[in-house]
Amino acid sequence: SSGINAEYGDPKEFLEDACQITEIRDDIREECEKLGPTKKVIIFDRHPQGVVSVKFGTYEAADEAVKLFQGRWFGGKQIAAALWDGVTDYAIEETEGEREARLASWHKFIEDGGERENAV
């Protein structure tokens, strides 16, 4: 199997609406499955370049995905896509302050009855 990585946008948007992670992941999976078996889609939501990693069942599908995503526009930014080098780890651990802020936000969300501020 083979994988690609793509820089897609600003991860700060996830702080405002964490549901975007699932929506973006599902959209990417849907696009990638047109090319072949898609084993895994990971969004590194703490990475400053907004990295997405996709693992494919075949090298051919990964090659086609790079061609599909490279240079496309998403959320006002141009995507940079490349085959994964097999070594780079894009995960970034949250700091204690970030963790405390995330938990405080979650507690407020629960106290407010699960209502999002920008809900339709």
PDB file of N, CA and C in Angstrom:
ATOM      1  N   SER A   1       0.838  -1.189   0.000  1.00  0.00           N
ATOM      2  CA  SER A   1       0.000   0.000   0.000  1.00  0.00           C
ATOM      3  C   SER A   1       0.876   1.243   0.000  1.00  0.00           C
ATOM      4  N   SER A   2       0.277   2.379  -0.330  1.00  0.00           N
ATOM      5  CA  SER A   2       1.020   3.621  -0.434  1.00  0.00           C
ATOM      6  C   SER A   2       0.164   4.772   0.065  1.00  0.00           C
ATOM      7  N   GLY A   3       0.802   5.882   0.374  1.00  0.00           N
ATOM      8  CA  GLY A   3       0.057   7.015   0.900  1.00  0.00           C
ATOM      9  C   GLY A   3       0.503   8.327   0.306  1.00  0.00           C
ATOM     10  N   ILE A   4      -0.360   9.343   0.465  1.00  0.00           N
ATOM     11  CA  ILE A   4      -0.039  10.699   0.052  1.00  0.00           C
ATOM     12  C   ILE A   4      -0.292  11.633   1.220  1.00  0.00           C
ATOM     13  N   ASN A   5       0.278  12.811   1.132  1.00  0.00           N
ATOM     14  CA  ASN A   5       0.007  13.884   2.083  1.00  0.00           C
ATOM     15  C   ASN A   5      -0.355  15.112   1.287  1.00  0.00           C
ATOM     16  N   ALA A   6      -1.294  15.877   1.790  1.00  0.00           N
ATOM     17  CA  ALA A   6      -1.698  17.114   1.126  1.00  0.00           C
ATOM     18  C   ALA A   6      -1.873  18.199   2.171  1.00  0.00           C
ATOM     19  N   GLU A   7      -1.365  19.383   1.864  1.00  0.00           N
ATOM     20  CA  GLU A   7      -1.591  20.556   2.708  1.00  0.00           C
ATOM     21  C   GLU A   7      -2.815  21.247   2.160  1.00  0.00           C
ATOM     22  N   TYR A   8      -3.850  21.397   3.000  1.00  0.00           N
ATOM     23  CA  TYR A   8      -5.150  21.835   2.487  1.00  0.00           C
ATOM     24  C   TYR A   8      -5.650  23.151   3.047  1.00  0.00           C
ATOM     25  N   GLY A   9      -5.146  23.631   4.146  1.00  0.00           N
ATOM     26  CA  GLY A   9      -5.723  24.858   4.672  1.00  0.00           C
ATOM     27  C   GLY A   9      -5.322  25.177   6.090  1.00  0.00           C
ATOM     28  N   ASP A  10      -6.143  25.963   6.746  1.00  0.00           N
ATOM     29  CA  ASP A  10      -5.856  26.486   8.072  1.00  0.00           C
ATOM     30  C   ASP A  10      -6.555  25.656   9.143  1.00  0.00           C
ATOM     31  N   PRO A  11      -5.792  24.932   9.964  1.00  0.00           N
ATOM     32  CA  PRO A  11      -6.408  24.098  10.996  1.00  0.00           C
ATOM     33  C   PRO A  11      -7.106  24.887  12.102  1.00  0.00           C
ATOM     34  N   LYS A  12      -6.894  26.206  12.174  1.00  0.00           N
ATOM     35  CA  LYS A  12      -7.565  27.011  13.206  1.00  0.00           C
ATOM     36  C   LYS A  12      -9.076  26.981  13.028  1.00  0.00           C
ATOM     37  N   GLU A  13      -9.523  26.710  11.798  1.00  0.00           N
ATOM     38  CA  GLU A  13     -10.959  26.632  11.542  1.00  0.00           C
ATOM     39  C   GLU A  13     -11.617  25.517  12.356  1.00  0.00           C
ATOM     40  N   PHE A  14     -10.844  24.468  12.680  1.00  0.00           N
ATOM     41  CA  PHE A  14     -11.394  23.359  13.453  1.00  0.00           C
ATOM     42  C   PHE A  14     -11.705  23.759  14.882  1.00  0.00           C
ATOM     43  N   LEU A  15     -11.007  24.782  15.386  1.00  0.00           N
ATOM     44  CA  LEU A  15     -11.280  25.255  16.738  1.00  0.00           C
ATOM     45  C   LEU A  15     -12.669  25.873  16.817  1.00  0.00           C
ATOM     46  N   GLU A  16     -13.101  26.475  15.702  1.00  0.00           N
ATOM     47  CA  GLU A  16     -14.420  27.100  15.661  1.00  0.00           C
ATOM     48  C   GLU A  16     -15.524  26.072  15.440  1.00  0.00           C
ATOM     49  N   ASP A  17     -15.227  25.020  14.648  1.00  0.00           N
ATOM     50  CA  ASP A  17     -16.240  24.016  14.337  1.00  0.00           C
ATOM     51  C   ASP A  17     -15.549  22.675  14.116  1.00  0.00           C
ATOM     52  N   ALA A  18     -15.458  21.873  15.178  1.00  0.00           N
ATOM     53  CA  ALA A  18     -14.774  20.586  15.105  1.00  0.00           C
ATOM     54  C   ALA A  18     -15.458  19.615  14.143  1.00  0.00           C
ATOM     55  N   CYS A  19     -16.723  19.833  13.843  1.00  0.00           N
ATOM     56  CA  CYS A  19     -17.439  18.963  12.898  1.00  0.00           C
ATOM     57  C   CYS A  19     -16.833  19.040  11.499  1.00  0.00           C
ATOM     58  N   GLN A  20     -16.110  20.119  11.218  1.00  0.00           N
ATOM     59  CA  GLN A  20     -15.472  20.258   9.910  1.00  0.00           C
ATOM     60  C   GLN A  20     -14.461  19.149   9.663  1.00  0.00           C
ATOM     61  N   ILE A  21     -13.823  18.644  10.708  1.00  0.00           N
ATOM     62  CA  ILE A  21     -12.850  17.572  10.542  1.00  0.00           C
ATOM     63  C   ILE A  21     -13.519  16.376   9.881  1.00  0.00           C
ATOM     64  N   THR A  22     -14.660  15.978  10.400  1.00  0.00           N
ATOM     65  CA  THR A  22     -15.381  14.829   9.843  1.00  0.00           C
ATOM     66  C   THR A  22     -15.853  15.114   8.430  1.00  0.00           C
ATOM     67  N   GLU A  23     -16.376  16.304   8.197  1.00  0.00           N
ATOM     68  CA  GLU A  23     -16.873  16.657   6.868  1.00  0.00           C
ATOM     69  C   GLU A  23     -15.753  16.645   5.834  1.00  0.00           C
ATOM     70  N   ILE A  24     -14.625  17.245   6.162  1.00  0.00           N
ATOM     71  CA  ILE A  24     -13.494  17.288   5.238  1.00  0.00           C
ATOM     72  C   ILE A  24     -12.953  15.883   5.009  1.00  0.00           C
ATOM     73  N   ARG A  25     -12.802  15.114   6.075  1.00  0.00           N
ATOM     74  CA  ARG A  25     -12.306  13.733   5.942  1.00  0.00           C
ATOM     75  C   ARG A  25     -13.213  12.920   5.028  1.00  0.00           C
ATOM     76  N   ASP A  26     -14.526  13.046   5.210  1.00  0.00           N
ATOM     77  CA  ASP A  26     -15.470  12.299   4.373  1.00  0.00           C
ATOM     78  C   ASP A  26     -15.409  12.747   2.919  1.00  0.00           C
ATOM     79  N   ASP A  27     -15.275  14.053   2.689  1.00  0.00           N
ATOM     80  CA  ASP A  27     -15.160  14.570   1.316  1.00  0.00           C
ATOM     81  C   ASP A  27     -13.898  14.040   0.637  1.00  0.00           C
ATOM     82  N   ILE A  28     -12.797  14.040   1.368  1.00  0.00           N
ATOM     83  CA  ILE A  28     -11.535  13.554   0.805  1.00  0.00           C
ATOM     84  C   ILE A  28     -11.633  12.057   0.516  1.00  0.00           C
ATOM     85  N   ARG A  29     -12.195  11.308   1.447  1.00  0.00           N
ATOM     86  CA  ARG A  29     -12.353   9.858   1.240  1.00  0.00           C
ATOM     87  C   ARG A  29     -13.195   9.594  -0.009  1.00  0.00           C
ATOM     88  N   GLU A  30     -14.270  10.329  -0.171  1.00  0.00           N
ATOM     89  CA  GLU A  30     -15.145  10.147  -1.329  1.00  0.00           C
ATOM     90  C   GLU A  30     -14.381  10.388  -2.635  1.00  0.00           C
ATOM     91  N   GLU A  31     -13.583  11.453  -2.682  1.00  0.00           N
ATOM     92  CA  GLU A  31     -12.774  11.743  -3.875  1.00  0.00           C
ATOM     93  C   GLU A  31     -11.746  10.638  -4.113  1.00  0.00           C
ATOM     94  N   CYS A  32     -11.086  10.216  -3.060  1.00  0.00           N
ATOM     95  CA  CYS A  32     -10.015   9.227  -3.194  1.00  0.00           C
ATOM     96  C   CYS A  32     -10.536   7.844  -3.592  1.00  0.00           C
ATOM     97  N   GLU A  33     -11.704   7.482  -3.116  1.00  0.00           N
ATOM     98  CA  GLU A  33     -12.249   6.160  -3.446  1.00  0.00           C
ATOM     99  C   GLU A  33     -12.579   6.019  -4.925  1.00  0.00           C
ATOM    100  N   LYS A  34     -12.679   7.135  -5.631  1.00  0.00           N
ATOM    101  CA  LYS A  34     -12.876   7.084  -7.082  1.00  0.00           C
ATOM    102  C   LYS A  34     -11.623   6.543  -7.771  1.00  0.00           C
ATOM    103  N   LEU A  35     -10.477   6.634  -7.076  1.00  0.00           N
ATOM    104  CA  LEU A  35      -9.195   6.234  -7.652  1.00  0.00           C
ATOM    105  C   LEU A  35      -8.794   4.810  -7.304  1.00  0.00           C
ATOM    106  N   GLY A  36      -9.389   4.261  -6.250  1.00  0.00           N
ATOM    107  CA  GLY A  36      -9.051   2.908  -5.811  1.00  0.00           C
ATOM    108  C   GLY A  36      -9.308   2.751  -4.328  1.00  0.00           C
ATOM    109  N   PRO A  37      -9.000   1.574  -3.802  1.00  0.00           N
ATOM    110  CA  PRO A  37      -9.246   1.309  -2.381  1.00  0.00           C
ATOM    111  C   PRO A  37      -8.531   2.322  -1.486  1.00  0.00           C
ATOM    112  N   THR A  38      -9.299   2.949  -0.610  1.00  0.00           N
ATOM    113  CA  THR A  38      -8.772   3.951   0.319  1.00  0.00           C
ATOM    114  C   THR A  38      -8.846   3.358   1.715  1.00  0.00           C
ATOM    115  N   LYS A  39      -7.689   3.092   2.304  1.00  0.00           N
ATOM    116  CA  LYS A  39      -7.643   2.411   3.601  1.00  0.00           C
ATOM    117  C   LYS A  39      -7.836   3.348   4.788  1.00  0.00           C
ATOM    118  N   LYS A  40      -7.271   4.561   4.693  1.00  0.00           N
ATOM    119  CA  LYS A  40      -7.328   5.454   5.857  1.00  0.00           C
ATOM    120  C   LYS A  40      -7.165   6.897   5.417  1.00  0.00           C
ATOM    121  N   VAL A  41      -7.929   7.802   6.052  1.00  0.00           N
ATOM    122  CA  VAL A  41      -7.778   9.246   5.845  1.00  0.00           C
ATOM    123  C   VAL A  41      -7.589   9.872   7.223  1.00  0.00           C
ATOM    124  N   ILE A  42      -6.465  10.540   7.403  1.00  0.00           N
ATOM    125  CA  ILE A  42      -6.165  11.176   8.691  1.00  0.00           C
ATOM    126  C   ILE A  42      -5.970  12.663   8.462  1.00  0.00           C
ATOM    127  N   ILE A  43      -6.660  13.466   9.266  1.00  0.00           N
ATOM    128  CA  ILE A  43      -6.460  14.911   9.243  1.00  0.00           C
ATOM    129  C   ILE A  43      -5.641  15.276  10.476  1.00  0.00           C
ATOM    130  N   PHE A  44      -4.486  15.864  10.249  1.00  0.00           N
ATOM    131  CA  PHE A  44      -3.630  16.306  11.344  1.00  0.00           C
ATOM    132  C   PHE A  44      -4.065  17.727  11.711  1.00  0.00           C
ATOM    133  N   ASP A  45      -5.085  17.807  12.544  1.00  0.00           N
ATOM    134  CA  ASP A  45      -5.751  19.075  12.833  1.00  0.00           C
ATOM    135  C   ASP A  45      -4.909  20.052  13.644  1.00  0.00           C
ATOM    136  N   ARG A  46      -3.761  19.651  14.138  1.00  0.00           N
ATOM    137  CA  ARG A  46      -2.888  20.559  14.871  1.00  0.00           C
ATOM    138  C   ARG A  46      -1.694  21.013  14.024  1.00  0.00           C
ATOM    139  N   HIS A  47      -1.511  20.423  12.856  1.00  0.00           N
ATOM    140  CA  HIS A  47      -0.378  20.778  12.007  1.00  0.00           C
ATOM    141  C   HIS A  47      -0.633  22.137  11.372  1.00  0.00           C
ATOM    142  N   PRO A  48       0.322  23.068  11.433  1.00  0.00           N
ATOM    143  CA  PRO A  48       0.087  24.439  10.944  1.00  0.00           C
ATOM    144  C   PRO A  48      -0.254  24.527   9.455  1.00  0.00           C
ATOM    145  N   GLN A  49       0.182  23.561   8.642  1.00  0.00           N
ATOM    146  CA  GLN A  49      -0.160  23.584   7.222  1.00  0.00           C
ATOM    147  C   GLN A  49      -1.458  22.841   6.923  1.00  0.00           C
ATOM    148  N   GLY A  50      -2.084  22.276   7.943  1.00  0.00           N
ATOM    149  CA  GLY A  50      -3.324  21.552   7.713  1.00  0.00           C
ATOM    150  C   GLY A  50      -3.097  20.322   6.856  1.00  0.00           C
ATOM    151  N   VAL A  51      -2.311  19.379   7.344  1.00  0.00           N
ATOM    152  CA  VAL A  51      -1.939  18.202   6.561  1.00  0.00           C
ATOM    153  C   VAL A  51      -2.994  17.112   6.673  1.00  0.00           C
ATOM    154  N   VAL A  52      -3.294  16.510   5.511  1.00  0.00           N
ATOM    155  CA  VAL A  52      -4.149  15.328   5.421  1.00  0.00           C
ATOM    156  C   VAL A  52      -3.288  14.209   4.862  1.00  0.00           C
ATOM    157  N   SER A  53      -3.417  13.021   5.436  1.00  0.00           N
ATOM    158  CA  SER A  53      -2.698  11.859   4.948  1.00  0.00           C
ATOM    159  C   SER A  53      -3.724  10.812   4.517  1.00  0.00           C
ATOM    160  N   VAL A  54      -3.508  10.238   3.344  1.00  0.00           N
ATOM    161  CA  VAL A  54      -4.415   9.221   2.821  1.00  0.00           C
ATOM    162  C   VAL A  54      -3.608   7.971   2.502  1.00  0.00           C
ATOM    163  N   LYS A  55      -4.061   6.829   3.020  1.00  0.00           N
ATOM    164  CA  LYS A  55      -3.406   5.561   2.736  1.00  0.00           C
ATOM    165  C   LYS A  55      -4.267   4.792   1.738  1.00  0.00           C
ATOM    166  N   PHE A  56      -3.626   4.381   0.651  1.00  0.00           N
ATOM    167  CA  PHE A  56      -4.312   3.667  -0.420  1.00  0.00           C
ATOM    168  C   PHE A  56      -3.916   2.203  -0.436  1.00  0.00           C
ATOM    169  N   GLY A  57      -4.721   1.405  -1.096  1.00  0.00           N
ATOM    170  CA  GLY A  57      -4.435  -0.019  -1.257  1.00  0.00           C
ATOM    171  C   GLY A  57      -3.412  -0.290  -2.338  1.00  0.00           C
ATOM    172  N   THR A  58      -3.207   0.672  -3.246  1.00  0.00           N
ATOM    173  CA  THR A  58      -2.250   0.470  -4.331  1.00  0.00           C
ATOM    174  C   THR A  58      -1.406   1.721  -4.539  1.00  0.00           C
ATOM    175  N   TYR A  59      -0.199   1.514  -5.085  1.00  0.00           N
ATOM    176  CA  TYR A  59       0.667   2.638  -5.418  1.00  0.00           C
ATOM    177  C   TYR A  59       0.067   3.468  -6.547  1.00  0.00           C
ATOM    178  N   GLU A  60      -0.597   2.786  -7.474  1.00  0.00           N
ATOM    179  CA  GLU A  60      -1.197   3.480  -8.608  1.00  0.00           C
ATOM    180  C   GLU A  60      -2.252   4.486  -8.151  1.00  0.00           C
ATOM    181  N   ALA A  61      -3.076   4.087  -7.190  1.00  0.00           N
ATOM    182  CA  ALA A  61      -4.107   4.993  -6.671  1.00  0.00           C
ATOM    183  C   ALA A  61      -3.469   6.204  -5.994  1.00  0.00           C
ATOM    184  N   ALA A  62      -2.380   5.979  -5.253  1.00  0.00           N
ATOM    185  CA  ALA A  62      -1.684   7.085  -4.590  1.00  0.00           C
ATOM    186  C   ALA A  62      -1.112   8.051  -5.626  1.00  0.00           C
ATOM    187  N   ASP A  63      -0.507   7.511  -6.683  1.00  0.00           N
ATOM    188  CA  ASP A  63       0.020   8.362  -7.753  1.00  0.00           C
ATOM    189  C   ASP A  63      -1.085   9.198  -8.386  1.00  0.00           C
ATOM    190  N   GLU A  64      -2.220   8.580  -8.655  1.00  0.00           N
ATOM    191  CA  GLU A  64      -3.343   9.301  -9.256  1.00  0.00           C
ATOM    192  C   GLU A  64      -3.887  10.368  -8.310  1.00  0.00           C
ATOM    193  N   ALA A  65      -3.884  10.084  -7.007  1.00  0.00           N
ATOM    194  CA  ALA A  65      -4.370  11.059  -6.024  1.00  0.00           C
ATOM    195  C   ALA A  65      -3.486  12.303  -6.001  1.00  0.00           C
ATOM    196  N   VAL A  66      -2.174  12.115  -6.101  1.00  0.00           N
ATOM    197  CA  VAL A  66      -1.271  13.273  -6.139  1.00  0.00           C
ATOM    198  C   VAL A  66      -1.635  14.132  -7.341  1.00  0.00           C
ATOM    199  N   LYS A  67      -1.846  13.500  -8.499  1.00  0.00           N
ATOM    200  CA  LYS A  67      -2.222  14.247  -9.705  1.00  0.00           C
ATOM    201  C   LYS A  67      -3.564  14.956  -9.520  1.00  0.00           C
ATOM    202  N   LEU A  68      -4.511  14.280  -8.860  1.00  0.00           N
ATOM    203  CA  LEU A  68      -5.846  14.836  -8.648  1.00  0.00           C
ATOM    204  C   LEU A  68      -5.822  16.064  -7.734  1.00  0.00           C
ATOM    205  N   PHE A  69      -5.080  15.980  -6.628  1.00  0.00           N
ATOM    206  CA  PHE A  69      -5.117  17.034  -5.620  1.00  0.00           C
ATOM    207  C   PHE A  69      -4.095  18.147  -5.831  1.00  0.00           C
ATOM    208  N   GLN A  70      -2.946  17.843  -6.439  1.00  0.00           N
ATOM    209  CA  GLN A  70      -1.892  18.841  -6.590  1.00  0.00           C
ATOM    210  C   GLN A  70      -2.398  20.053  -7.371  1.00  0.00           C
ATOM    211  N   GLY A  71      -2.295  21.215  -6.736  1.00  0.00           N
ATOM    212  CA  GLY A  71      -2.664  22.461  -7.389  1.00  0.00           C
ATOM    213  C   GLY A  71      -4.135  22.821  -7.328  1.00  0.00           C
ATOM    214  N   ARG A  72      -4.992  21.911  -6.835  1.00  0.00           N
ATOM    215  CA  ARG A  72      -6.413  22.249  -6.700  1.00  0.00           C
ATOM    216  C   ARG A  72      -6.585  23.275  -5.593  1.00  0.00           C
ATOM    217  N   TRP A  73      -7.715  23.956  -5.647  1.00  0.00           N
ATOM    218  CA  TRP A  73      -8.014  24.965  -4.634  1.00  0.00           C
ATOM    219  C   TRP A  73      -9.023  24.415  -3.644  1.00  0.00           C
ATOM    220  N   PHE A  74      -8.784  24.710  -2.357  1.00  0.00           N
ATOM    221  CA  PHE A  74      -9.692  24.278  -1.299  1.00  0.00           C
ATOM    222  C   PHE A  74      -9.700  25.350  -0.233  1.00  0.00           C
ATOM    223  N   GLY A  75     -10.874  25.890   0.060  1.00  0.00           N
ATOM    224  CA  GLY A  75     -10.996  26.898   1.108  1.00  0.00           C
ATOM    225  C   GLY A  75     -10.124  28.113   0.869  1.00  0.00           C
ATOM    226  N   GLY A  76      -9.944  28.480  -0.401  1.00  0.00           N
ATOM    227  CA  GLY A  76      -9.151  29.661  -0.724  1.00  0.00           C
ATOM    228  C   GLY A  76      -7.650  29.440  -0.744  1.00  0.00           C
ATOM    229  N   LYS A  77      -7.212  28.198  -0.548  1.00  0.00           N
ATOM    230  CA  LYS A  77      -5.779  27.893  -0.590  1.00  0.00           C
ATOM    231  C   LYS A  77      -5.522  26.804  -1.619  1.00  0.00           C
ATOM    232  N   GLN A  78      -4.346  26.887  -2.243  1.00  0.00           N
ATOM    233  CA  GLN A  78      -3.970  25.880  -3.225  1.00  0.00           C
ATOM    234  C   GLN A  78      -3.353  24.681  -2.504  1.00  0.00           C
ATOM    235  N   ILE A  79      -3.788  23.498  -2.868  1.00  0.00           N
ATOM    236  CA  ILE A  79      -3.320  22.270  -2.232  1.00  0.00           C
ATOM    237  C   ILE A  79      -1.954  21.878  -2.781  1.00  0.00           C
ATOM    238  N   ALA A  80      -1.069  21.470  -1.876  1.00  0.00           N
ATOM    239  CA  ALA A  80       0.227  20.892  -2.246  1.00  0.00           C
ATOM    240  C   ALA A  80       0.164  19.413  -1.871  1.00  0.00           C
ATOM    241  N   ALA A  81       0.230  18.517  -2.865  1.00  0.00           N
ATOM    242  CA  ALA A  81       0.123  17.080  -2.613  1.00  0.00           C
ATOM    243  C   ALA A  81       1.395  16.367  -3.044  1.00  0.00           C
ATOM    244  N   ALA A  82       1.779  15.329  -2.310  1.00  0.00           N
ATOM    245  CA  ALA A  82       2.976  14.553  -2.627  1.00  0.00           C
ATOM    246  C   ALA A  82       2.839  13.155  -2.030  1.00  0.00           C
ATOM    247  N   LEU A  83       3.587  12.205  -2.585  1.00  0.00           N
ATOM    248  CA  LEU A  83       3.629  10.875  -1.988  1.00  0.00           C
ATOM    249  C   LEU A  83       4.287  10.979  -0.617  1.00  0.00           C
ATOM    250  N   TRP A  84       3.782  10.199   0.338  1.00  0.00           N
ATOM    251  CA  TRP A  84       4.360  10.194   1.678  1.00  0.00           C
ATOM    252  C   TRP A  84       5.736   9.546   1.613  1.00  0.00           C
ATOM    253  N   ASP A  85       6.698  10.111   2.333  1.00  0.00           N
ATOM    254  CA  ASP A  85       8.069   9.593   2.312  1.00  0.00           C
ATOM    255  C   ASP A  85       8.254   8.369   3.202  1.00  0.00           C
ATOM    256  N   GLY A  86       7.222   7.980   3.932  1.00  0.00           N
ATOM    257  CA  GLY A  86       7.297   6.805   4.790  1.00  0.00           C
ATOM    258  C   GLY A  86       7.944   7.069   6.137  1.00  0.00           C
ATOM    259  N   VAL A  87       8.384   8.295   6.380  1.00  0.00           N
ATOM    260  CA  VAL A  87       9.115   8.613   7.602  1.00  0.00           C
ATOM    261  C   VAL A  87       8.480   9.770   8.384  1.00  0.00           C
ATOM    262  N   THR A  88       8.113  10.831   7.693  1.00  0.00           N
ATOM    263  CA  THR A  88       7.655  12.055   8.346  1.00  0.00           C
ATOM    264  C   THR A  88       6.409  11.802   9.196  1.00  0.00           C
ATOM    265  N   ASP A  89       6.461  12.309  10.427  1.00  0.00           N
ATOM    266  CA  ASP A  89       5.324  12.232  11.348  1.00  0.00           C
ATOM    267  C   ASP A  89       4.728  13.632  11.453  1.00  0.00           C
ATOM    268  N   TYR A  90       3.492  13.784  11.029  1.00  0.00           N
ATOM    269  CA  TYR A  90       2.850  15.097  10.999  1.00  0.00           C
ATOM    270  C   TYR A  90       2.064  15.415  12.278  1.00  0.00           C
ATOM    271  N   ALA A  91       1.996  14.460  13.179  1.00  0.00           N
ATOM    272  CA  ALA A  91       1.230  14.667  14.409  1.00  0.00           C
ATOM    273  C   ALA A  91       1.933  15.694  15.305  1.00  0.00           C
ATOM    274  N   ILE A  92       1.146  16.607  15.850  1.00  0.00           N
ATOM    275  CA  ILE A  92       1.651  17.615  16.782  1.00  0.00           C
ATOM    276  C   ILE A  92       0.805  17.531  18.045  1.00  0.00           C
ATOM    277  N   GLU A  93       1.473  17.292  19.161  1.00  0.00           N
ATOM    278  CA  GLU A  93       0.765  17.159  20.438  1.00  0.00           C
ATOM    279  C   GLU A  93       0.283  18.523  20.923  1.00  0.00           C
ATOM    280  N   GLU A  94      -0.884  18.538  21.546  1.00  0.00           N
ATOM    281  CA  GLU A  94      -1.384  19.792  22.086  1.00  0.00           C
ATOM    282  C   GLU A  94      -0.652  20.127  23.384  1.00  0.00           C
ATOM    283  N   THR A  95      -0.506  21.414  23.632  1.00  0.00           N
ATOM    284  CA  THR A  95       0.135  21.868  24.862  1.00  0.00           C
ATOM    285  C   THR A  95      -0.870  21.764  26.007  1.00  0.00           C
ATOM    286  N   GLU A  96      -0.390  21.903  27.208  1.00  0.00           N
ATOM    287  CA  GLU A  96      -1.273  21.868  28.374  1.00  0.00           C
ATOM    288  C   GLU A  96      -2.303  22.999  28.292  1.00  0.00           C
ATOM    289  N   GLY A  97      -1.849  24.193  27.864  1.00  0.00           N
ATOM    290  CA  GLY A  97      -2.767  25.329  27.718  1.00  0.00           C
ATOM    291  C   GLY A  97      -3.835  25.070  26.671  1.00  0.00           C
ATOM    292  N   GLU A  98      -3.448  24.467  25.540  1.00  0.00           N
ATOM    293  CA  GLU A  98      -4.418  24.135  24.493  1.00  0.00           C
ATOM    294  C   GLU A  98      -5.420  23.101  25.000  1.00  0.00           C
ATOM    295  N   ARG A  99      -4.922  22.138  25.756  1.00  0.00           N
ATOM    296  CA  ARG A  99      -5.804  21.098  26.306  1.00  0.00           C
ATOM    297  C   ARG A  99      -6.822  21.722  27.264  1.00  0.00           C
ATOM    298  N   GLU A 100      -6.348  22.605  28.140  1.00  0.00           N
ATOM    299  CA  GLU A 100      -7.246  23.262  29.095  1.00  0.00           C
ATOM    300  C   GLU A 100      -8.295  24.094  28.368  1.00  0.00           C
ATOM    301  N   ALA A 101      -7.893  24.818  27.326  1.00  0.00           N
ATOM    302  CA  ALA A 101      -8.833  25.639  26.556  1.00  0.00           C
ATOM    303  C   ALA A 101      -9.858  24.761  25.844  1.00  0.00           C
ATOM    304  N   ARG A 102      -9.399  23.632  25.287  1.00  0.00           N
ATOM    305  CA  ARG A 102     -10.308  22.713  24.599  1.00  0.00           C
ATOM    306  C   ARG A 102     -11.334  22.137  25.580  1.00  0.00           C
ATOM    307  N   LEU A 103     -10.869  21.729  26.756  1.00  0.00           N
ATOM    308  CA  LEU A 103     -11.783  21.167  27.753  1.00  0.00           C
ATOM    309  C   LEU A 103     -12.764  22.214  28.268  1.00  0.00           C
ATOM    310  N   ALA A 104     -12.298  23.443  28.462  1.00  0.00           N
ATOM    311  CA  ALA A 104     -13.188  24.520  28.908  1.00  0.00           C
ATOM    312  C   ALA A 104     -14.261  24.780  27.858  1.00  0.00           C
ATOM    313  N   SER A 105     -13.864  24.784  26.599  1.00  0.00           N
ATOM    314  CA  SER A 105     -14.821  24.979  25.513  1.00  0.00           C
ATOM    315  C   SER A 105     -15.834  23.839  25.475  1.00  0.00           C
ATOM    316  N   TRP A 106     -15.356  22.615  25.674  1.00  0.00           N
ATOM    317  CA  TRP A 106     -16.242  21.449  25.675  1.00  0.00           C
ATOM    318  C   TRP A 106     -17.232  21.530  26.839  1.00  0.00           C
ATOM    319  N   HIS A 107     -16.757  21.902  28.010  1.00  0.00           N
ATOM    320  CA  HIS A 107     -17.643  22.023  29.173  1.00  0.00           C
ATOM    321  C   HIS A 107     -18.712  23.094  28.932  1.00  0.00           C
ATOM    322  N   LYS A 108     -18.332  24.209  28.328  1.00  0.00           N
ATOM    323  CA  LYS A 108     -19.302  25.257  28.008  1.00  0.00           C
ATOM    324  C   LYS A 108     -20.336  24.734  27.017  1.00  0.00           C
ATOM    325  N   PHE A 109     -19.873  23.983  26.020  1.00  0.00           N
ATOM    326  CA  PHE A 109     -20.770  23.384  25.029  1.00  0.00           C
ATOM    327  C   PHE A 109     -21.795  22.481  25.722  1.00  0.00           C
ATOM    328  N   ILE A 110     -21.340  21.662  26.656  1.00  0.00           N
ATOM    329  CA  ILE A 110     -22.229  20.748  27.385  1.00  0.00           C
ATOM    330  C   ILE A 110     -23.202  21.548  28.256  1.00  0.00           C
ATOM    331  N   GLU A 111     -22.685  22.553  28.968  1.00  0.00           N
ATOM    332  CA  GLU A 111     -23.531  23.369  29.838  1.00  0.00           C
ATOM    333  C   GLU A 111     -24.601  24.115  29.048  1.00  0.00           C
ATOM    334  N   ASP A 112     -24.281  24.497  27.821  1.00  0.00           N
ATOM    335  CA  ASP A 112     -25.235  25.194  26.962  1.00  0.00           C
ATOM    336  C   ASP A 112     -26.216  24.242  26.290  1.00  0.00           C
ATOM    337  N   GLY A 113     -26.182  22.983  26.676  1.00  0.00           N
ATOM    338  CA  GLY A 113     -27.119  22.015  26.129  1.00  0.00           C
ATOM    339  C   GLY A 113     -26.722  21.468  24.763  1.00  0.00           C
ATOM    340  N   GLY A 114     -25.458  21.576  24.433  1.00  0.00           N
ATOM    341  CA  GLY A 114     -24.980  21.020  23.160  1.00  0.00           C
ATOM    342  C   GLY A 114     -25.301  21.861  21.959  1.00  0.00           C
ATOM    343  N   GLU A 115     -25.638  23.131  22.180  1.00  0.00           N
ATOM    344  CA  GLU A 115     -25.952  24.025  21.072  1.00  0.00           C
ATOM    345  C   GLU A 115     -24.704  24.716  20.565  1.00  0.00           C
ATOM    346  N   ARG A 116     -24.484  24.650  19.263  1.00  0.00           N
ATOM    347  CA  ARG A 116     -23.374  25.387  18.655  1.00  0.00           C
ATOM    348  C   ARG A 116     -23.842  26.796  18.372  1.00  0.00           C
ATOM    349  N   GLU A 117     -22.939  27.750  18.544  1.00  0.00           N
ATOM    350  CA  GLU A 117     -23.281  29.155  18.323  1.00  0.00           C
ATOM    351  C   GLU A 117     -23.723  29.431  16.900  1.00  0.00           C
ATOM    352  N   ASN A 118     -23.095  28.733  15.929  1.00  0.00           N
ATOM    353  CA  ASN A 118     -23.409  28.990  14.535  1.00  0.00           C
ATOM    354  C   ASN A 118     -24.355  27.956  13.941  1.00  0.00           C
ATOM    355  N   ALA A 119     -25.085  27.257  14.807  1.00  0.00           N
ATOM    356  CA  ALA A 119     -26.028  26.244  14.312  1.00  0.00           C
ATOM    357  C   ALA A 119     -27.160  26.909  13.539  1.00  0.00           C
ATOM    358  N   VAL A 120     -27.614  26.203  12.520  1.00  0.00           N
ATOM    359  CA  VAL A 120     -28.680  26.736  11.656  1.00  0.00           C
ATOM    360  C   VAL A 120     -30.024  26.428  12.273  1.00  0.00           C
TER     361      VAL A 120
END
